[in-house]
Amino acid sequence: MRAVVIGAGSIGRRHHDNLRALGAASRLVSWREDGLHGALAALDGAEAVVVATATDVRLPLIEAAAERGLPLYIEKPLAFRPDEVEAIAELAAPVAQRSVLGYMMRYHPAVRALAASDLSDTFQFALTIGHDVTQWRQDWRFSESYAARADGGGVLLDLCHELDLAACLFPGLAVTRVESHGHAGFPGVDFASRISLRGNGVTGDVSMDYLTPRLHRRAALRGHERMHDFDFAAQTYRVTDATGPLDLNLPLERNAMFLDAMRDFLALASGAQTSGNPLMPRLDLCLPSARLVAQAWAAREFIGDITKEIP
């Protein structure tokens, strides 16, 4: 399989390395250095395309790849404006069943365990994630990254895996309110957001932030028969029912999720058998999640500014 990865940032390089580890011939193309012209030229001779650019420049790449019949691995989020989600859905329709959206958390063993559980009694949930963005990587500045842009940046889009998880566990959710904190130095960029959701008798919140001093990532589901308390950062997963608590052993090696997602993409692209993961993020099946993310981004209400210094 000959693949081209467009976008040479940290996630693009990870995909490039994983493709080669899986036996594919991968070419890495820098959007910053080669631009649209170079990216489009790189599609010639390719059999699959990974789009790992900033969100706001993807539409012409997706259109060109789909016109050539090339399957796509598109990094999350698909888009941040509802109309652009629909435009991509239409353009990519011919290859959507052979393409994926980069929700690699769907391969997390704890996410798969949650999705396989009986959640029919759940009436309330809370999903949270956050970490001080200035501590993410060495020799990296938030102000110089895609995340600092008003269009396509901010924490809601950057950490939208939790919104995707909510959509997987409770299909049919709708956004009721989004409250965000901004920063005077980065107008239009949310540094903390809480999304209120409801649907089919379930209410819940998804919260994310760029601020907390240590990484936190948790899922709390409340039902009248059982409770789920999952701490993804600590890798502790507890289910409690009338008989008492049960701790699940669900070890994780982080890059394994990326490899599993890429392995399924290569299988889809070549017409081979996939892993059988019921949560496999095939593009056409991910559109409800992509729409939820875009709806949440469009509904942001800024209620105040944070004062933390962000270089």
C-alpha atoms as a PDB file:
ATOM      1  CA  MET A   1       0.000   0.000   0.000  1.00  0.00           C
ATOM      2  CA  ARG A   2       1.391   3.388  -1.043  1.00  0.00           C
ATOM      3  CA  ALA A   3       0.226   6.079   1.359  1.00  0.00           C
ATOM      4  CA  VAL A   4       0.869   9.793   1.596  1.00  0.00           C
ATOM      5  CA  VAL A   5       0.634  11.645   4.912  1.00  0.00           C
ATOM      6  CA  ILE A   6      -0.124  15.342   4.483  1.00  0.00           C
ATOM      7  CA  GLY A   7       0.885  17.325   7.553  1.00  0.00           C
ATOM      8  CA  ALA A   8       4.302  16.853   9.169  1.00  0.00           C
ATOM      9  CA  GLY A   9       3.467  17.857  12.728  1.00  0.00           C
ATOM     10  CA  SER A  10       3.670  15.450  15.650  1.00  0.00           C
ATOM     11  CA  ILE A  11       0.511  13.534  14.719  1.00  0.00           C
ATOM     12  CA  GLY A  12       1.461  13.350  11.045  1.00  0.00           C
ATOM     13  CA  ARG A  13       4.884  11.968  11.918  1.00  0.00           C
ATOM     14  CA  ARG A  14       3.273   9.394  14.216  1.00  0.00           C
ATOM     15  CA  HIS A  15       0.978   8.222  11.410  1.00  0.00           C
ATOM     16  CA  HIS A  16       3.907   8.133   8.984  1.00  0.00           C
ATOM     17  CA  ASP A  17       5.958   5.971  11.361  1.00  0.00           C
ATOM     18  CA  ASN A  18       3.023   3.674  12.085  1.00  0.00           C
ATOM     19  CA  LEU A  19       2.271   3.177   8.404  1.00  0.00           C
ATOM     20  CA  ARG A  20       5.850   2.077   7.833  1.00  0.00           C
ATOM     21  CA  ALA A  21       5.723  -0.159  10.910  1.00  0.00           C
ATOM     22  CA  LEU A  22       2.671  -1.844   9.381  1.00  0.00           C
ATOM     23  CA  GLY A  23       4.472  -2.464   6.092  1.00  0.00           C
ATOM     24  CA  ALA A  24       3.052   0.373   4.012  1.00  0.00           C
ATOM     25  CA  ALA A  25       5.175   2.660   1.855  1.00  0.00           C
ATOM     26  CA  SER A  26       4.561   6.086   3.342  1.00  0.00           C
ATOM     27  CA  ARG A  27       5.550   9.530   2.107  1.00  0.00           C
ATOM     28  CA  LEU A  28       5.408  12.457   4.548  1.00  0.00           C
ATOM     29  CA  VAL A  29       4.498  15.849   3.056  1.00  0.00           C
ATOM     30  CA  SER A  30       4.810  19.103   4.985  1.00  0.00           C
ATOM     31  CA  TRP A  31       1.845  21.418   4.510  1.00  0.00           C
ATOM     32  CA  ARG A  32       3.837  24.392   5.809  1.00  0.00           C
ATOM     33  CA  GLU A  33       6.686  23.834   3.358  1.00  0.00           C
ATOM     34  CA  ASP A  34       4.869  22.454   0.310  1.00  0.00           C
ATOM     35  CA  GLY A  35       1.423  24.065   0.600  1.00  0.00           C
ATOM     36  CA  LEU A  36      -1.670  23.005  -1.302  1.00  0.00           C
ATOM     37  CA  HIS A  37       0.134  22.613  -4.620  1.00  0.00           C
ATOM     38  CA  GLY A  38       2.703  20.226  -3.175  1.00  0.00           C
ATOM     39  CA  ALA A  39       0.063  18.295  -1.250  1.00  0.00           C
ATOM     40  CA  LEU A  40      -2.100  17.828  -4.342  1.00  0.00           C
ATOM     41  CA  ALA A  41       0.908  16.740  -6.406  1.00  0.00           C
ATOM     42  CA  ALA A  42       1.713  14.118  -3.758  1.00  0.00           C
ATOM     43  CA  LEU A  43      -1.633  12.423  -4.380  1.00  0.00           C
ATOM     44  CA  ASP A  44      -0.393  11.161  -7.763  1.00  0.00           C
ATOM     45  CA  GLY A  45       0.577   7.533  -7.379  1.00  0.00           C
ATOM     46  CA  ALA A  46      -0.865   7.212  -3.889  1.00  0.00           C
ATOM     47  CA  GLU A  47      -3.336   4.511  -2.896  1.00  0.00           C
ATOM     48  CA  ALA A  48      -4.382   6.040   0.426  1.00  0.00           C
ATOM     49  CA  VAL A  49      -4.182   9.485   2.030  1.00  0.00           C
ATOM     50  CA  VAL A  50      -3.764  10.585   5.642  1.00  0.00           C
ATOM     51  CA  VAL A  51      -4.880  14.179   6.230  1.00  0.00           C
ATOM     52  CA  ALA A  52      -3.134  15.501   9.343  1.00  0.00           C
ATOM     53  CA  THR A  53      -3.186  19.217   8.586  1.00  0.00           C
ATOM     54  CA  ALA A  54      -4.884  21.958  10.579  1.00  0.00           C
ATOM     55  CA  THR A  55      -8.660  21.569  10.358  1.00  0.00           C
ATOM     56  CA  ASP A  56      -9.370  24.746   8.407  1.00  0.00           C
ATOM     57  CA  VAL A  57      -7.329  23.817   5.290  1.00  0.00           C
ATOM     58  CA  ARG A  58      -8.572  20.288   4.641  1.00  0.00           C
ATOM     59  CA  LEU A  59     -11.531  20.729   2.334  1.00  0.00           C
ATOM     60  CA  PRO A  60      -9.616  20.950  -0.985  1.00  0.00           C
ATOM     61  CA  LEU A  61      -7.416  17.997   0.018  1.00  0.00           C
ATOM     62  CA  ILE A  62     -10.417  15.833   0.854  1.00  0.00           C
ATOM     63  CA  GLU A  63     -12.150  16.859  -2.366  1.00  0.00           C
ATOM     64  CA  ALA A  64      -9.101  16.058  -4.498  1.00  0.00           C
ATOM     65  CA  ALA A  65      -8.519  12.681  -2.842  1.00  0.00           C
ATOM     66  CA  ALA A  66     -12.177  11.682  -3.153  1.00  0.00           C
ATOM     67  CA  GLU A  67     -12.216  12.681  -6.830  1.00  0.00           C
ATOM     68  CA  ARG A  68      -9.310  10.285  -7.353  1.00  0.00           C
ATOM     69  CA  GLY A  69     -11.109   7.525  -5.434  1.00  0.00           C
ATOM     70  CA  LEU A  70      -8.486   7.533  -2.673  1.00  0.00           C
ATOM     71  CA  PRO A  71      -9.531   6.358   0.810  1.00  0.00           C
ATOM     72  CA  LEU A  72      -8.874   8.874   3.574  1.00  0.00           C
ATOM     73  CA  TYR A  73      -7.677   8.803   7.158  1.00  0.00           C
ATOM     74  CA  ILE A  74      -8.755  12.244   8.406  1.00  0.00           C
ATOM     75  CA  GLU A  75      -7.498  13.486  11.743  1.00  0.00           C
ATOM     76  CA  LYS A  76     -10.145  14.620  14.206  1.00  0.00           C
ATOM     77  CA  PRO A  77     -12.130  16.804  14.225  1.00  0.00           C
ATOM     78  CA  LEU A  78     -13.596  16.421  10.757  1.00  0.00           C
ATOM     79  CA  ALA A  79     -14.532  20.120  10.672  1.00  0.00           C
ATOM     80  CA  PHE A  80     -15.587  22.811  13.124  1.00  0.00           C
ATOM     81  CA  ARG A  81     -18.415  24.453  11.186  1.00  0.00           C
ATOM     82  CA  PRO A  82     -21.658  22.495  10.652  1.00  0.00           C
ATOM     83  CA  ASP A  83     -21.878  23.505   6.976  1.00  0.00           C
ATOM     84  CA  GLU A  84     -18.340  22.270   6.345  1.00  0.00           C
ATOM     85  CA  VAL A  85     -19.127  18.913   7.960  1.00  0.00           C
ATOM     86  CA  GLU A  86     -21.966  18.528   5.468  1.00  0.00           C
ATOM     87  CA  ALA A  87     -19.772  19.656   2.564  1.00  0.00           C
ATOM     88  CA  ILE A  88     -17.111  17.077   3.462  1.00  0.00           C
ATOM     89  CA  ALA A  89     -19.752  14.392   3.937  1.00  0.00           C
ATOM     90  CA  GLU A  90     -21.005  15.032   0.411  1.00  0.00           C
ATOM     91  CA  LEU A  91     -17.573  15.270  -1.215  1.00  0.00           C
ATOM     92  CA  ALA A  92     -16.174  12.203   0.558  1.00  0.00           C
ATOM     93  CA  ALA A  93     -19.279  10.038   0.091  1.00  0.00           C
ATOM     94  CA  PRO A  94     -17.748   7.952  -2.756  1.00  0.00           C
ATOM     95  CA  VAL A  95     -14.889   6.802  -0.491  1.00  0.00           C
ATOM     96  CA  ALA A  96     -16.497   7.157   2.952  1.00  0.00           C
ATOM     97  CA  GLN A  97     -16.955   3.425   3.493  1.00  0.00           C
ATOM     98  CA  ARG A  98     -13.210   2.925   2.922  1.00  0.00           C
ATOM     99  CA  SER A  99     -12.176   5.921   5.014  1.00  0.00           C
ATOM    100  CA  VAL A 100     -11.852   6.665   8.725  1.00  0.00           C
ATOM    101  CA  LEU A 101     -11.910   9.612  11.102  1.00  0.00           C
ATOM    102  CA  GLY A 102      -9.012   9.692  13.577  1.00  0.00           C
ATOM    103  CA  TYR A 103     -10.866   8.756  16.756  1.00  0.00           C
ATOM    104  CA  MET A 104      -8.218   6.333  17.954  1.00  0.00           C
ATOM    105  CA  MET A 105      -9.737   6.342  21.478  1.00  0.00           C
ATOM    106  CA  ARG A 106     -12.338   3.963  20.075  1.00  0.00           C
ATOM    107  CA  TYR A 107      -9.579   1.352  20.293  1.00  0.00           C
ATOM    108  CA  HIS A 108      -8.883   1.999  23.980  1.00  0.00           C
ATOM    109  CA  PRO A 109      -9.681  -1.206  25.898  1.00  0.00           C
ATOM    110  CA  ALA A 110     -11.636   0.733  28.541  1.00  0.00           C
ATOM    111  CA  VAL A 111     -13.695   2.569  25.909  1.00  0.00           C
ATOM    112  CA  ARG A 112     -14.481  -0.739  24.238  1.00  0.00           C
ATOM    113  CA  ALA A 113     -15.454  -2.208  27.608  1.00  0.00           C
ATOM    114  CA  LEU A 114     -17.808   0.700  28.272  1.00  0.00           C
ATOM    115  CA  ALA A 115     -19.377   0.432  24.835  1.00  0.00           C
ATOM    116  CA  ALA A 116     -19.932  -3.297  25.317  1.00  0.00           C
ATOM    117  CA  SER A 117     -21.635  -2.771  28.692  1.00  0.00           C
ATOM    118  CA  ASP A 118     -25.357  -2.600  29.337  1.00  0.00           C
ATOM    119  CA  LEU A 119     -25.902   1.141  29.750  1.00  0.00           C
ATOM    120  CA  SER A 120     -29.668   1.055  29.345  1.00  0.00           C
ATOM    121  CA  ASP A 121     -30.218   2.152  32.956  1.00  0.00           C
ATOM    122  CA  THR A 122     -27.886   5.153  32.692  1.00  0.00           C
ATOM    123  CA  PHE A 123     -29.570   8.472  33.338  1.00  0.00           C
ATOM    124  CA  GLN A 124     -26.563  10.753  33.823  1.00  0.00           C
ATOM    125  CA  PHE A 125     -22.924  10.925  32.764  1.00  0.00           C
ATOM    126  CA  ALA A 126     -19.878  13.176  33.068  1.00  0.00           C
ATOM    127  CA  LEU A 127     -16.771  12.965  30.882  1.00  0.00           C
ATOM    128  CA  THR A 128     -13.777  15.159  31.720  1.00  0.00           C
ATOM    129  CA  ILE A 129     -10.297  15.724  30.333  1.00  0.00           C
ATOM    130  CA  GLY A 130      -7.650  18.372  30.870  1.00  0.00           C
ATOM    131  CA  HIS A 131      -4.020  19.257  31.389  1.00  0.00           C
ATOM    132  CA  ASP A 132      -1.875  22.389  31.455  1.00  0.00           C
ATOM    133  CA  VAL A 133      -1.251  23.058  27.758  1.00  0.00           C
ATOM    134  CA  THR A 134       2.136  24.642  28.508  1.00  0.00           C
ATOM    135  CA  GLN A 135       3.374  21.246  29.740  1.00  0.00           C
ATOM    136  CA  TRP A 136       2.329  19.168  26.748  1.00  0.00           C
ATOM    137  CA  ARG A 137       5.598  18.844  24.862  1.00  0.00           C
ATOM    138  CA  GLN A 138       9.168  20.083  25.107  1.00  0.00           C
ATOM    139  CA  ASP A 139      10.249  22.851  22.725  1.00  0.00           C
ATOM    140  CA  TRP A 140       6.618  23.598  21.842  1.00  0.00           C
ATOM    141  CA  ARG A 141       4.690  26.826  22.245  1.00  0.00           C
ATOM    142  CA  PHE A 142       0.924  27.013  22.287  1.00  0.00           C
ATOM    143  CA  SER A 143       0.964  30.449  20.639  1.00  0.00           C
ATOM    144  CA  GLU A 144       2.725  29.010  17.572  1.00  0.00           C
ATOM    145  CA  SER A 145       0.400  26.022  17.181  1.00  0.00           C
ATOM    146  CA  TYR A 146      -2.828  25.417  15.273  1.00  0.00           C
ATOM    147  CA  ALA A 147      -4.617  25.277  18.644  1.00  0.00           C
ATOM    148  CA  ALA A 148      -4.078  29.027  19.157  1.00  0.00           C
ATOM    149  CA  ARG A 149      -6.172  29.951  16.120  1.00  0.00           C
ATOM    150  CA  ALA A 150      -9.687  31.310  16.501  1.00  0.00           C
ATOM    151  CA  ASP A 151     -10.721  29.247  13.467  1.00  0.00           C
ATOM    152  CA  GLY A 152     -10.057  25.588  14.137  1.00  0.00           C
ATOM    153  CA  GLY A 153      -8.260  25.962  17.459  1.00  0.00           C
ATOM    154  CA  GLY A 154      -9.242  25.779  21.086  1.00  0.00           C
ATOM    155  CA  VAL A 155      -9.727  23.022  23.586  1.00  0.00           C
ATOM    156  CA  LEU A 156     -13.169  21.830  22.473  1.00  0.00           C
ATOM    157  CA  LEU A 157     -11.812  20.790  19.092  1.00  0.00           C
ATOM    158  CA  ASP A 158      -8.404  19.708  20.335  1.00  0.00           C
ATOM    159  CA  LEU A 159      -9.764  17.326  22.995  1.00  0.00           C
ATOM    160  CA  CYS A 160     -12.983  16.283  21.274  1.00  0.00           C
ATOM    161  CA  HIS A 161     -12.445  12.541  21.851  1.00  0.00           C
ATOM    162  CA  GLU A 162     -14.727  12.807  24.882  1.00  0.00           C
ATOM    163  CA  LEU A 163     -17.531  14.230  22.731  1.00  0.00           C
ATOM    164  CA  ASP A 164     -17.044  11.319  20.359  1.00  0.00           C
ATOM    165  CA  LEU A 165     -17.174   8.919  23.310  1.00  0.00           C
ATOM    166  CA  ALA A 166     -20.472  10.452  24.437  1.00  0.00           C
ATOM    167  CA  ALA A 167     -21.862  10.038  20.924  1.00  0.00           C
ATOM    168  CA  CYS A 168     -20.741   6.391  20.833  1.00  0.00           C
ATOM    169  CA  LEU A 169     -22.217   5.490  24.213  1.00  0.00           C
ATOM    170  CA  PHE A 170     -25.443   7.465  23.883  1.00  0.00           C
ATOM    171  CA  PRO A 171     -26.506   7.921  20.247  1.00  0.00           C
ATOM    172  CA  GLY A 172     -28.889  10.755  19.533  1.00  0.00           C
ATOM    173  CA  LEU A 173     -27.439  13.320  21.942  1.00  0.00           C
ATOM    174  CA  ALA A 174     -28.020  16.997  21.252  1.00  0.00           C
ATOM    175  CA  VAL A 175     -26.163  20.053  22.523  1.00  0.00           C
ATOM    176  CA  THR A 176     -28.156  22.182  24.956  1.00  0.00           C
ATOM    177  CA  ARG A 177     -25.487  24.647  26.104  1.00  0.00           C
ATOM    178  CA  VAL A 178     -21.752  25.271  25.857  1.00  0.00           C
ATOM    179  CA  GLU A 179     -19.977  27.486  28.401  1.00  0.00           C
ATOM    180  CA  SER A 180     -16.398  28.455  27.639  1.00  0.00           C
ATOM    181  CA  HIS A 181     -13.551  30.403  29.196  1.00  0.00           C
ATOM    182  CA  GLY A 182     -11.336  32.386  26.878  1.00  0.00           C
ATOM    183  CA  HIS A 183      -8.057  34.280  27.185  1.00  0.00           C
ATOM    184  CA  ALA A 184      -7.435  37.943  26.419  1.00  0.00           C
ATOM    185  CA  GLY A 185      -4.308  37.043  24.459  1.00  0.00           C
ATOM    186  CA  PHE A 186      -6.132  34.621  22.164  1.00  0.00           C
ATOM    187  CA  PRO A 187      -9.529  36.055  21.131  1.00  0.00           C
ATOM    188  CA  GLY A 188     -12.064  33.440  20.067  1.00  0.00           C
ATOM    189  CA  VAL A 189     -10.057  30.513  21.494  1.00  0.00           C
ATOM    190  CA  ASP A 190     -11.617  28.472  24.299  1.00  0.00           C
ATOM    191  CA  PHE A 191      -9.268  27.329  27.079  1.00  0.00           C
ATOM    192  CA  ALA A 192     -11.971  25.503  29.029  1.00  0.00           C
ATOM    193  CA  SER A 193     -15.378  24.371  27.798  1.00  0.00           C
ATOM    194  CA  ARG A 194     -18.290  22.499  29.290  1.00  0.00           C
ATOM    195  CA  ILE A 195     -20.814  21.011  26.883  1.00  0.00           C
ATOM    196  CA  SER A 196     -24.242  20.076  28.231  1.00  0.00           C
ATOM    197  CA  LEU A 197     -25.958  17.265  26.336  1.00  0.00           C
ATOM    198  CA  ARG A 198     -29.222  15.379  26.438  1.00  0.00           C
ATOM    199  CA  GLY A 199     -31.110  12.779  24.460  1.00  0.00           C
ATOM    200  CA  ASN A 200     -33.199   9.643  24.838  1.00  0.00           C
ATOM    201  CA  GLY A 201     -33.664  10.120  28.580  1.00  0.00           C
ATOM    202  CA  VAL A 202     -29.990  10.755  29.334  1.00  0.00           C
ATOM    203  CA  THR A 203     -28.319  13.991  30.386  1.00  0.00           C
ATOM    204  CA  GLY A 204     -24.621  14.619  30.640  1.00  0.00           C
ATOM    205  CA  ASP A 205     -21.683  16.977  30.517  1.00  0.00           C
ATOM    206  CA  VAL A 206     -18.420  16.831  28.629  1.00  0.00           C
ATOM    207  CA  SER A 207     -15.749  19.125  30.068  1.00  0.00           C
ATOM    208  CA  MET A 208     -12.261  19.848  28.824  1.00  0.00           C
ATOM    209  CA  ASP A 209      -9.547  22.310  29.721  1.00  0.00           C
ATOM    210  CA  TYR A 210      -6.021  23.500  28.901  1.00  0.00           C
ATOM    211  CA  LEU A 211      -5.403  24.534  32.503  1.00  0.00           C
ATOM    212  CA  THR A 212      -5.266  21.886  35.223  1.00  0.00           C
ATOM    213  CA  PRO A 213      -1.769  21.195  36.636  1.00  0.00           C
ATOM    214  CA  ARG A 214      -1.959  17.418  36.164  1.00  0.00           C
ATOM    215  CA  LEU A 215      -3.567  15.298  33.495  1.00  0.00           C
ATOM    216  CA  HIS A 216      -7.091  14.170  34.338  1.00  0.00           C
ATOM    217  CA  ARG A 217      -9.337  12.032  32.163  1.00  0.00           C
ATOM    218  CA  ARG A 218     -12.399  10.420  33.679  1.00  0.00           C
ATOM    219  CA  ALA A 219     -15.775   8.973  32.816  1.00  0.00           C
ATOM    220  CA  ALA A 220     -18.557   8.701  35.407  1.00  0.00           C
ATOM    221  CA  LEU A 221     -21.812   7.028  34.394  1.00  0.00           C
ATOM    222  CA  ARG A 222     -24.736   6.802  36.789  1.00  0.00           C
ATOM    223  CA  GLY A 223     -27.534   4.261  36.464  1.00  0.00           C
ATOM    224  CA  HIS A 224     -30.100   2.787  38.817  1.00  0.00           C
ATOM    225  CA  GLU A 225     -28.501  -0.666  38.485  1.00  0.00           C
ATOM    226  CA  ARG A 226     -24.798   0.128  38.191  1.00  0.00           C
ATOM    227  CA  MET A 227     -22.229   2.905  38.217  1.00  0.00           C
ATOM    228  CA  HIS A 228     -19.097   3.190  36.084  1.00  0.00           C
ATOM    229  CA  ASP A 229     -16.140   5.166  37.407  1.00  0.00           C
ATOM    230  CA  PHE A 230     -13.287   5.067  34.904  1.00  0.00           C
ATOM    231  CA  ASP A 231     -10.049   7.012  35.384  1.00  0.00           C
ATOM    232  CA  PHE A 232      -8.174   6.796  32.083  1.00  0.00           C
ATOM    233  CA  ALA A 233      -5.153   8.722  33.370  1.00  0.00           C
ATOM    234  CA  ALA A 234      -4.647   6.422  36.357  1.00  0.00           C
ATOM    235  CA  GLN A 235      -5.871   3.398  34.374  1.00  0.00           C
ATOM    236  CA  THR A 236      -8.318   2.373  37.094  1.00  0.00           C
ATOM    237  CA  TYR A 237     -11.743   1.206  36.018  1.00  0.00           C
ATOM    238  CA  ARG A 238     -14.489   0.363  38.515  1.00  0.00           C
ATOM    239  CA  VAL A 239     -18.032  -0.891  37.991  1.00  0.00           C
ATOM    240  CA  THR A 240     -20.319  -0.879  41.041  1.00  0.00           C
ATOM    241  CA  ASP A 241     -23.677  -2.591  41.351  1.00  0.00           C
ATOM    242  CA  ALA A 242     -25.787  -3.985  44.208  1.00  0.00           C
ATOM    243  CA  THR A 243     -23.191  -6.695  44.879  1.00  0.00           C
ATOM    244  CA  GLY A 244     -20.374  -4.173  45.329  1.00  0.00           C
ATOM    245  CA  PRO A 245     -17.458  -2.807  43.293  1.00  0.00           C
ATOM    246  CA  LEU A 246     -15.606  -4.677  40.556  1.00  0.00           C
ATOM    247  CA  ASP A 247     -12.242  -3.385  39.322  1.00  0.00           C
ATOM    248  CA  LEU A 248     -11.423  -4.153  35.697  1.00  0.00           C
ATOM    249  CA  ASN A 249      -7.917  -4.891  34.477  1.00  0.00           C
ATOM    250  CA  LEU A 250      -7.598  -3.080  31.150  1.00  0.00           C
ATOM    251  CA  PRO A 251      -3.924  -2.307  30.454  1.00  0.00           C
ATOM    252  CA  LEU A 252      -3.009   0.094  27.671  1.00  0.00           C
ATOM    253  CA  GLU A 253       0.006   0.908  25.508  1.00  0.00           C
ATOM    254  CA  ARG A 254      -0.900   4.276  23.963  1.00  0.00           C
ATOM    255  CA  ASN A 255       0.547   3.830  20.494  1.00  0.00           C
ATOM    256  CA  ALA A 256      -1.312   0.527  20.188  1.00  0.00           C
ATOM    257  CA  MET A 257      -4.520   2.520  19.691  1.00  0.00           C
ATOM    258  CA  PHE A 258      -2.979   4.454  16.806  1.00  0.00           C
ATOM    259  CA  LEU A 259      -1.606   1.247  15.287  1.00  0.00           C
ATOM    260  CA  ASP A 260      -4.952  -0.531  15.590  1.00  0.00           C
ATOM    261  CA  ALA A 261      -6.784   2.374  13.964  1.00  0.00           C
ATOM    262  CA  MET A 262      -4.245   2.573  11.142  1.00  0.00           C
ATOM    263  CA  ARG A 263      -4.351  -1.200  10.665  1.00  0.00           C
ATOM    264  CA  ASP A 264      -8.123  -1.044  10.180  1.00  0.00           C
ATOM    265  CA  PHE A 265      -7.733   1.879   7.778  1.00  0.00           C
ATOM    266  CA  LEU A 266      -5.269  -0.057   5.643  1.00  0.00           C
ATOM    267  CA  ALA A 267      -7.660  -3.024   5.648  1.00  0.00           C
ATOM    268  CA  LEU A 268     -10.559  -0.825   4.539  1.00  0.00           C
ATOM    269  CA  ALA A 269      -8.428   0.845   1.899  1.00  0.00           C
ATOM    270  CA  SER A 270      -7.320  -2.469   0.402  1.00  0.00           C
ATOM    271  CA  GLY A 271     -10.607  -4.346   0.799  1.00  0.00           C
ATOM    272  CA  ALA A 272      -9.193  -6.724   3.418  1.00  0.00           C
ATOM    273  CA  GLN A 273     -10.843  -7.897   6.626  1.00  0.00           C
ATOM    274  CA  THR A 274     -10.834  -5.393   9.483  1.00  0.00           C
ATOM    275  CA  SER A 275     -10.354  -6.072  13.183  1.00  0.00           C
ATOM    276  CA  GLY A 276     -14.062  -6.397  13.891  1.00  0.00           C
ATOM    277  CA  ASN A 277     -14.037  -3.538  16.400  1.00  0.00           C
ATOM    278  CA  PRO A 278     -17.708  -2.459  16.544  1.00  0.00           C
ATOM    279  CA  LEU A 279     -16.553   1.104  17.227  1.00  0.00           C
ATOM    280  CA  MET A 280     -14.288   1.262  14.153  1.00  0.00           C
ATOM    281  CA  PRO A 281     -14.416   4.953  13.132  1.00  0.00           C
ATOM    282  CA  ARG A 282     -15.435   4.460   9.512  1.00  0.00           C
ATOM    283  CA  LEU A 283     -16.073   7.908   8.102  1.00  0.00           C
ATOM    284  CA  ASP A 284     -19.699   7.426   7.089  1.00  0.00           C
ATOM    285  CA  LEU A 285     -20.531   5.993  10.530  1.00  0.00           C
ATOM    286  CA  CYS A 286     -18.731   8.863  12.324  1.00  0.00           C
ATOM    287  CA  LEU A 287     -20.810  11.658  10.821  1.00  0.00           C
ATOM    288  CA  PRO A 288     -23.203  11.927  13.819  1.00  0.00           C
ATOM    289  CA  SER A 289     -20.187  12.439  16.082  1.00  0.00           C
ATOM    290  CA  ALA A 290     -18.619  14.954  13.682  1.00  0.00           C
ATOM    291  CA  ARG A 291     -21.887  16.889  13.601  1.00  0.00           C
ATOM    292  CA  LEU A 292     -22.077  16.929  17.402  1.00  0.00           C
ATOM    293  CA  VAL A 293     -18.571  18.395  17.657  1.00  0.00           C
ATOM    294  CA  ALA A 294     -19.315  21.117  15.114  1.00  0.00           C
ATOM    295  CA  GLN A 295     -22.620  21.954  16.779  1.00  0.00           C
ATOM    296  CA  ALA A 296     -20.875  22.286  20.141  1.00  0.00           C
ATOM    297  CA  TRP A 297     -18.161  24.540  18.705  1.00  0.00           C
ATOM    298  CA  ALA A 298     -20.781  26.784  17.072  1.00  0.00           C
ATOM    299  CA  ALA A 299     -22.757  26.999  20.351  1.00  0.00           C
ATOM    300  CA  ARG A 300     -19.875  28.240  22.539  1.00  0.00           C
ATOM    301  CA  GLU A 301     -20.805  31.050  24.916  1.00  0.00           C
ATOM    302  CA  PHE A 302     -17.770  32.763  26.441  1.00  0.00           C
ATOM    303  CA  ILE A 303     -18.535  33.487  30.092  1.00  0.00           C
ATOM    304  CA  GLY A 304     -15.140  34.827  31.191  1.00  0.00           C
ATOM    305  CA  ASP A 305     -11.380  34.885  30.641  1.00  0.00           C
ATOM    306  CA  ILE A 306      -8.650  32.942  32.404  1.00  0.00           C
ATOM    307  CA  THR A 307      -5.540  34.761  33.569  1.00  0.00           C
ATOM    308  CA  LYS A 308      -2.896  32.034  33.322  1.00  0.00           C
ATOM    309  CA  GLU A 309       0.159  33.100  31.327  1.00  0.00           C
ATOM    310  CA  ILE A 310       0.235  31.135  28.061  1.00  0.00           C
ATOM    311  CA  PRO A 311       3.469  31.489  26.060  1.00  0.00           C
END
